[in-house]
Protein backbone atom coordinates (compact mmCIF):
# COMPACT_ATOMS: atom_id res chain seq x y z
CA MET A 1 12.95 -7.70 -64.88
CA LYS A 2 10.56 -5.83 -62.58
CA PHE A 3 7.47 -6.89 -64.61
CA LYS A 4 8.63 -10.53 -64.58
CA HIS A 5 9.20 -10.30 -60.83
CA LEU A 6 5.74 -8.93 -60.34
CA ILE A 7 4.20 -11.73 -62.43
CA ALA A 8 6.12 -14.29 -60.31
CA ILE A 9 4.75 -12.73 -57.08
CA ILE A 10 1.17 -12.72 -58.49
CA GLY A 11 1.58 -16.32 -59.52
CA LEU A 12 2.81 -17.34 -56.12
CA SER A 13 -0.07 -15.47 -54.40
CA PHE A 14 -2.59 -17.09 -56.71
CA ALA A 15 -1.14 -20.50 -56.06
CA ALA A 16 -1.29 -19.93 -52.29
CA SER A 17 -4.90 -18.76 -52.53
CA ALA A 18 -5.89 -21.73 -54.73
CA HIS A 19 -4.21 -24.09 -52.28
CA ALA A 20 -6.13 -22.70 -49.32
CA ALA A 21 -9.43 -22.87 -51.26
CA ASP A 22 -8.79 -26.51 -52.23
CA MET A 23 -7.64 -27.73 -48.80
CA LYS A 24 -9.47 -30.80 -47.54
CA GLU A 25 -7.38 -31.32 -44.54
CA LEU A 26 -6.25 -28.84 -41.86
CA ARG A 27 -3.17 -29.72 -39.82
CA VAL A 28 -3.48 -28.21 -36.40
CA GLY A 29 -0.49 -27.77 -34.10
CA MET A 30 -1.15 -28.20 -30.38
CA ASP A 31 0.76 -28.65 -27.17
CA PRO A 32 -1.47 -31.27 -25.48
CA THR A 33 -0.49 -30.39 -21.91
CA TYR A 34 -3.04 -27.57 -21.16
CA GLU A 35 -6.05 -29.02 -19.43
CA PRO A 36 -8.96 -28.22 -20.23
CA PHE A 37 -7.94 -26.64 -23.54
CA GLU A 38 -6.01 -29.60 -25.04
CA TYR A 39 -4.81 -32.68 -23.20
CA LYS A 40 -4.74 -36.41 -23.49
CA ALA A 41 -7.39 -38.68 -21.99
CA PRO A 42 -6.23 -41.85 -20.20
CA ASP A 43 -6.69 -43.78 -23.43
CA GLY A 44 -4.39 -41.34 -25.22
CA LYS A 45 -7.11 -39.54 -27.15
CA LEU A 46 -6.64 -35.79 -27.57
CA ILE A 47 -9.52 -33.91 -25.99
CA GLY A 48 -10.36 -30.48 -24.70
CA PHE A 49 -12.00 -27.11 -25.55
CA GLU A 50 -9.65 -26.21 -28.40
CA VAL A 51 -9.85 -29.74 -29.79
CA ASP A 52 -13.63 -29.42 -30.03
CA LEU A 53 -13.28 -25.93 -31.31
CA ALA A 54 -10.86 -26.94 -34.08
CA ASN A 55 -13.17 -29.75 -35.19
CA ALA A 56 -16.08 -27.30 -35.34
CA LEU A 57 -14.06 -24.87 -37.38
CA CYS A 58 -12.99 -27.65 -39.77
CA ALA A 59 -16.57 -28.75 -40.14
CA GLU A 60 -17.62 -25.20 -40.97
CA MET A 61 -14.83 -24.96 -43.59
CA LYS A 62 -15.63 -28.49 -44.87
CA MET A 63 -12.19 -29.75 -43.89
CA HIS A 64 -10.92 -32.65 -41.83
CA CYS A 65 -8.80 -31.78 -38.75
CA VAL A 66 -5.53 -33.58 -38.21
CA PHE A 67 -3.88 -32.78 -34.84
CA VAL A 68 -0.11 -32.58 -34.66
CA PRO A 69 1.38 -32.59 -31.16
CA SER A 70 4.19 -30.06 -30.48
CA ALA A 71 6.19 -28.89 -27.48
CA TRP A 72 5.41 -25.34 -26.65
CA ASP A 73 8.90 -23.97 -27.04
CA GLY A 74 9.08 -25.34 -30.58
CA ILE A 75 5.55 -24.67 -31.69
CA ILE A 76 6.19 -21.58 -33.86
CA PRO A 77 9.35 -22.94 -35.47
CA SER A 78 7.39 -26.11 -36.40
CA LEU A 79 4.68 -23.96 -37.97
CA MET A 80 7.36 -22.19 -40.04
CA ALA A 81 8.80 -25.61 -41.02
CA LYS A 82 5.23 -26.44 -42.41
CA LYS A 83 4.66 -29.34 -40.01
CA TYR A 84 1.10 -27.95 -39.67
CA ASP A 85 -1.10 -25.19 -41.04
CA VAL A 86 -2.24 -23.37 -37.96
CA ILE A 87 -1.61 -23.33 -34.20
CA LEU A 88 -4.71 -23.55 -32.05
CA SER A 89 -3.11 -23.95 -28.65
CA SER A 90 -3.87 -21.11 -26.24
CA MET A 91 -1.57 -18.74 -27.95
CA SER A 92 -1.99 -15.12 -26.87
CA ILE A 93 -2.15 -12.47 -29.61
CA THR A 94 0.80 -10.21 -28.78
CA ASP A 95 2.74 -7.58 -30.77
CA GLU A 96 5.95 -9.60 -30.25
CA ARG A 97 4.45 -12.74 -31.78
CA LYS A 98 2.93 -10.71 -34.65
CA LYS A 99 6.50 -10.10 -35.82
CA ALA A 100 6.70 -13.83 -36.64
CA VAL A 101 3.19 -14.99 -37.42
CA ALA A 102 -0.24 -13.83 -38.44
CA PHE A 103 -3.25 -14.30 -36.19
CA THR A 104 -6.93 -15.01 -36.57
CA ASP A 105 -9.48 -13.07 -34.61
CA HIS A 106 -9.43 -14.02 -30.91
CA TYR A 107 -11.60 -16.97 -29.81
CA TYR A 108 -11.15 -16.76 -26.05
CA LYS A 109 -9.74 -14.46 -23.48
CA THR A 110 -8.79 -15.29 -19.89
CA PRO A 111 -6.47 -13.53 -17.42
CA ALA A 112 -3.41 -14.77 -15.52
CA ARG A 113 -3.09 -14.88 -11.71
CA ILE A 114 -0.64 -15.97 -9.06
CA VAL A 115 -1.03 -19.28 -7.38
CA ILE A 116 0.53 -19.94 -3.93
CA LYS A 117 0.42 -22.30 -1.01
CA ARG A 118 -2.14 -21.36 1.55
CA GLY A 119 -0.59 -19.50 4.51
CA SER A 120 2.62 -18.72 2.63
CA GLY A 121 2.21 -14.90 3.24
CA ILE A 122 2.68 -14.12 -0.40
CA ASP A 123 0.15 -11.41 -1.39
CA GLY A 124 1.15 -10.90 -5.01
CA SER A 125 3.21 -7.74 -4.40
CA VAL A 126 6.69 -7.32 -5.75
CA ALA A 127 8.03 -7.20 -2.20
CA SER A 128 6.30 -10.45 -1.11
CA LEU A 129 7.82 -12.31 -4.06
CA LYS A 130 11.39 -10.94 -3.79
CA GLY A 131 13.79 -13.86 -3.36
CA LYS A 132 11.04 -16.42 -4.16
CA LYS A 133 10.99 -19.01 -6.95
CA ILE A 134 8.14 -18.49 -9.53
CA GLY A 135 7.19 -21.19 -12.03
CA VAL A 136 5.97 -20.37 -15.54
CA ILE A 137 5.67 -22.06 -18.90
CA LYS A 138 8.59 -21.46 -21.22
CA GLY A 139 7.78 -19.00 -24.02
CA SER A 140 4.46 -17.99 -22.46
CA THR A 141 3.09 -14.52 -21.80
CA GLN A 142 3.08 -15.49 -18.14
CA GLU A 143 6.88 -15.94 -18.36
CA THR A 144 7.31 -12.56 -20.03
CA TYR A 145 5.23 -10.90 -17.29
CA ALA A 146 6.96 -12.72 -14.40
CA ASN A 147 10.37 -11.67 -15.67
CA LYS A 148 9.29 -8.10 -16.34
CA ILE A 149 7.54 -7.56 -12.97
CA TYR A 150 9.12 -9.98 -10.48
CA GLY A 151 12.32 -11.23 -12.01
CA SER A 152 13.59 -7.65 -12.31
CA ALA A 153 12.90 -7.13 -8.65
CA GLY A 154 14.78 -10.12 -7.20
CA ALA A 155 12.56 -13.17 -7.81
CA THR A 156 13.82 -16.20 -9.62
CA VAL A 157 11.65 -17.14 -12.58
CA ILE A 158 11.85 -20.74 -13.65
CA GLY A 159 10.53 -21.88 -17.00
CA TYR A 160 8.89 -25.32 -17.53
CA ASP A 161 8.12 -27.32 -20.59
CA THR A 162 4.72 -28.47 -19.29
CA THR A 163 2.17 -27.29 -16.76
CA GLN A 164 2.23 -30.65 -15.04
CA ASP A 165 6.01 -30.19 -14.26
CA SER A 166 5.38 -26.76 -12.79
CA TYR A 167 2.48 -28.10 -10.67
CA LEU A 168 4.68 -30.88 -9.35
CA ASP A 169 7.44 -28.51 -8.28
CA LEU A 170 4.92 -26.21 -6.60
CA THR A 171 3.32 -29.05 -4.56
CA SER A 172 6.77 -30.51 -3.81
CA GLY A 173 7.91 -27.22 -2.36
CA ARG A 174 10.50 -26.45 -4.99
CA LEU A 175 8.51 -23.37 -6.08
CA ASP A 176 6.93 -20.64 -4.07
CA ALA A 177 4.37 -19.54 -6.66
CA LEU A 178 3.16 -19.87 -10.16
CA VAL A 179 2.05 -17.23 -12.71
CA ALA A 180 -0.59 -19.07 -14.65
CA ASP A 181 -3.70 -18.89 -16.76
CA ILE A 182 -6.67 -19.01 -14.42
CA VAL A 183 -8.62 -21.66 -16.35
CA GLU A 184 -5.63 -23.96 -16.85
CA VAL A 185 -4.51 -23.89 -13.29
CA ARG A 186 -8.01 -24.41 -11.86
CA SER A 187 -8.56 -27.46 -14.01
CA GLY A 188 -5.04 -28.88 -13.87
CA LEU A 189 -4.25 -28.24 -10.24
CA LEU A 190 -6.65 -26.43 -7.91
CA ASN A 191 -9.73 -28.56 -8.64
CA LYS A 192 -7.76 -31.78 -7.91
CA PRO A 193 -6.89 -33.38 -4.54
CA THR A 194 -3.17 -32.45 -5.03
CA GLY A 195 -4.19 -28.76 -5.14
CA LYS A 196 -6.28 -28.65 -1.96
CA ASP A 197 -3.55 -26.76 -0.05
CA TYR A 198 -3.07 -24.13 -2.77
CA GLN A 199 -4.99 -21.01 -3.80
CA MET A 200 -5.21 -18.46 -6.57
CA LEU A 201 -4.89 -14.85 -5.52
CA ASP A 202 -7.88 -12.69 -6.33
CA LYS A 203 -6.15 -10.08 -8.47
CA ASP A 204 -5.89 -10.53 -12.25
CA LEU A 205 -2.43 -9.67 -13.67
CA VAL A 206 -2.88 -6.77 -16.12
CA ASP A 207 -0.47 -5.68 -18.79
CA PRO A 208 -1.99 -5.31 -22.35
CA GLN A 209 1.48 -5.10 -23.88
CA VAL A 210 2.38 -8.49 -22.48
CA PHE A 211 -0.85 -10.43 -22.44
CA GLY A 212 -2.23 -9.05 -25.74
CA ALA A 213 -5.78 -9.15 -27.05
CA GLY A 214 -6.82 -12.70 -26.20
CA VAL A 215 -6.07 -16.06 -27.77
CA GLY A 216 -6.16 -16.67 -31.49
CA GLY A 217 -5.00 -19.09 -34.16
CA ALA A 218 -1.42 -18.48 -35.45
CA LEU A 219 -0.53 -18.96 -39.09
CA ARG A 220 2.32 -18.24 -41.47
CA LYS A 221 1.97 -14.64 -42.68
CA GLN A 222 1.62 -15.60 -46.32
CA ASP A 223 -1.41 -17.82 -45.60
CA THR A 224 -3.91 -14.93 -45.81
CA GLN A 225 -6.79 -16.82 -47.35
CA LEU A 226 -6.65 -19.54 -44.73
CA ARG A 227 -6.65 -16.85 -42.06
CA ASP A 228 -9.72 -15.27 -43.66
CA GLN A 229 -11.46 -18.66 -43.85
CA LEU A 230 -10.81 -19.28 -40.20
CA ASN A 231 -12.10 -15.86 -39.18
CA LEU A 232 -15.27 -16.51 -41.15
CA ALA A 233 -15.64 -19.87 -39.49
CA ILE A 234 -15.10 -18.40 -36.01
CA LYS A 235 -17.90 -15.82 -36.73
CA ALA A 236 -20.17 -18.55 -38.05
CA ILE A 237 -19.89 -20.87 -35.09
CA ARG A 238 -20.35 -17.89 -32.71
CA ALA A 239 -23.54 -16.99 -34.63
CA ASN A 240 -25.05 -20.45 -34.94
CA GLY A 241 -24.61 -21.44 -31.30
CA THR A 242 -21.89 -24.11 -31.82
CA TYR A 243 -19.24 -22.06 -30.04
CA GLN A 244 -21.45 -21.55 -26.93
CA LYS A 245 -22.38 -25.28 -26.87
CA ILE A 246 -18.65 -26.22 -26.84
CA ALA A 247 -17.84 -23.53 -24.24
CA ASP A 248 -20.68 -24.64 -21.92
CA LYS A 249 -19.20 -28.19 -21.95
CA TYR A 250 -16.04 -26.88 -20.24
CA PHE A 251 -16.74 -23.55 -18.55
CA ASP A 252 -19.32 -21.90 -16.29
CA PHE A 253 -18.46 -18.36 -17.39
CA ASP A 254 -17.96 -16.37 -20.64
CA ILE A 255 -14.70 -17.74 -22.00
CA TYR A 256 -14.89 -15.57 -25.14
CA GLY A 257 -14.44 -12.32 -23.29
CA LYS A 258 -14.65 -8.85 -24.82
């Protein structure tokens, strides 16, 4: 029985490897609400840094990218349900998430900061946010951090399905602050007319346990060959200049990080 069981496992592993090697199409799960990473243009077309990055990775692997929209709070369950093959959607590589999924190498790394209304008197300290309402994206590392640091000290942390909803509540006065990725909030709020009365505090929020080691692609744990293919593709587009060309289209700083 043990030998037969081993043969079955080897057969399944071989089939999975063969499947990854023969893939002509890569289904990519994304939450298209994170400007400038992935969002919809006025004509409905999906655009952004990670969209371009995914297409470059697919080209390197000689595959065709198919993008599958997914709400953030269901993005990992949908991966497990095989609605797509990989998540490329600003997902931080954390120990907690590693319990459920495998990750590629990181392909960008940006910090989170607090966003407030100018003149609010909030300085980012726990004391200044006690009793305040803080907006975050549900299931994000920012939500984990806000609950750990501020929620435990008397702030109310409110989760949102989309960044746009959190921006609307901040500018409408229903929130006192946001904990947000600096790139997303600059592009989605602060660089727009609706964000002129708001500012991002200077201090990066630091907690390696919460924020992890940057952003990577998330896959089902058994899809090891696809993970390896993606890692090779990430290295290749970094080496041949494609990554930098894409990054320069969206950012004026080193998005890759260390």
